[in-house]
């Protein structure tokens, strides 16, 4: 038994070594090719996984896979929350609130019905697919906007939306999963469940975030400032586990923790500059590692038999997702907000800028690991949606922003 335990431990260590080595190669290659790194992570996963060389083989049902997906999704949601400022929330809060809620529901329904008819799967399973891919991805959009500086209001809104709707998309996914498991659907019960999941997650995240930031701030006498990096992961996982144990959304909780971290100065809970910079660097590096793991794992789990089987109808669903669901969502959310004074070109830009990424990848991986009906189809279409939005939309962001006159003066050209 001892020998088996050692062998299992060595297998885990070898897996992590292979993941990080493959991720480093992929990140360098993406930088040289000037394309989003997650695209190369996916392709590296395909090459290194069972579809290719078989160097990385982590079963979707394994505890290790579920652990890494939950950890990665939680940390990336936390990081997404840190990128939202109260200043932006005050300026475009109506649009953001609608994009984080109504837009997710519109996309879920439009994509769900398209998937139901195109793929021939049950409506609830199709809506589950719609919910999985409904959210945008801060982990993908941040690198895009570092290279392509567009008008500040638009950039901050799109980035803020990507952080907010990740949590909403996760909540919506598990709400629909509950309907799929029980076979019962009630509008009032679903809305009540959503309020409990989201509201409870907000409260728990606020408590964890405020306490943690206070203890690391000048007002808290910098009790744990020197150990901010050490305590970050326990705070994130503690918020997630506490919320999940109490029947609320762990994903919303960690997002709110990130929101409080990102706005600690506005709350009067600042920390010394050198510790703030060190913590920010730690968050960025950890996010990169976890992003590597999520997308490489997704690549290793792609079932190309399913992809081939659903290739044409899958492309049709992705086209509806990009060209119909997104524009409808933006129009429904931006037009009512007279205060934001959105221009036609700004709205057109938001039509196109909605890359799919880490959270949908993690959610689809969780569904596969849980053995959910049609999870293999959901994972395959999620993979196609990620590739399409990254290869088509992310790579044309600069061109579109220039055509619409939204590039900031002094924007990088290389």
Foldseek 3Di string as FASTA:
>chain_A
DVVVVVVVVVLVVQQLVVLVVLLVVLVVVCVVVVFFSLLSLLVSLQCCFPVHDNSHYDDLQDPVNLVLLVLLLLLQLLQLLLLAEVVLCVQQVQLLVLLQAVLLQLQLQLLLVLCCVLVVDDSLVSSLLSLLQSAFGLSRLVVLCVQFPFAPSLSNSQSNSNSRNLLVSVQSNVLSVVCLVVVDDDPVVSVVLSCQQQVLLLVLLVVLLVVLLQCCFVVVVNNCVVVNQVCVSVSSVVSLVVSVVVSYHSSNSSNNSSNCVNHVVVVVGHHDPVSVVVNVVSSVVVSSSSQSVLSSNLSNPQDVVLCVVSVPSLVVSLCCSLPPSLLVSLCVSPVVCVSNVDDPLSSVLSSQPGAGGSSSSSVLSNCVNVVPPCSNVSSSSSVVNNCCSRVPRSVCSNVSSVVSVGTDPPRDDD
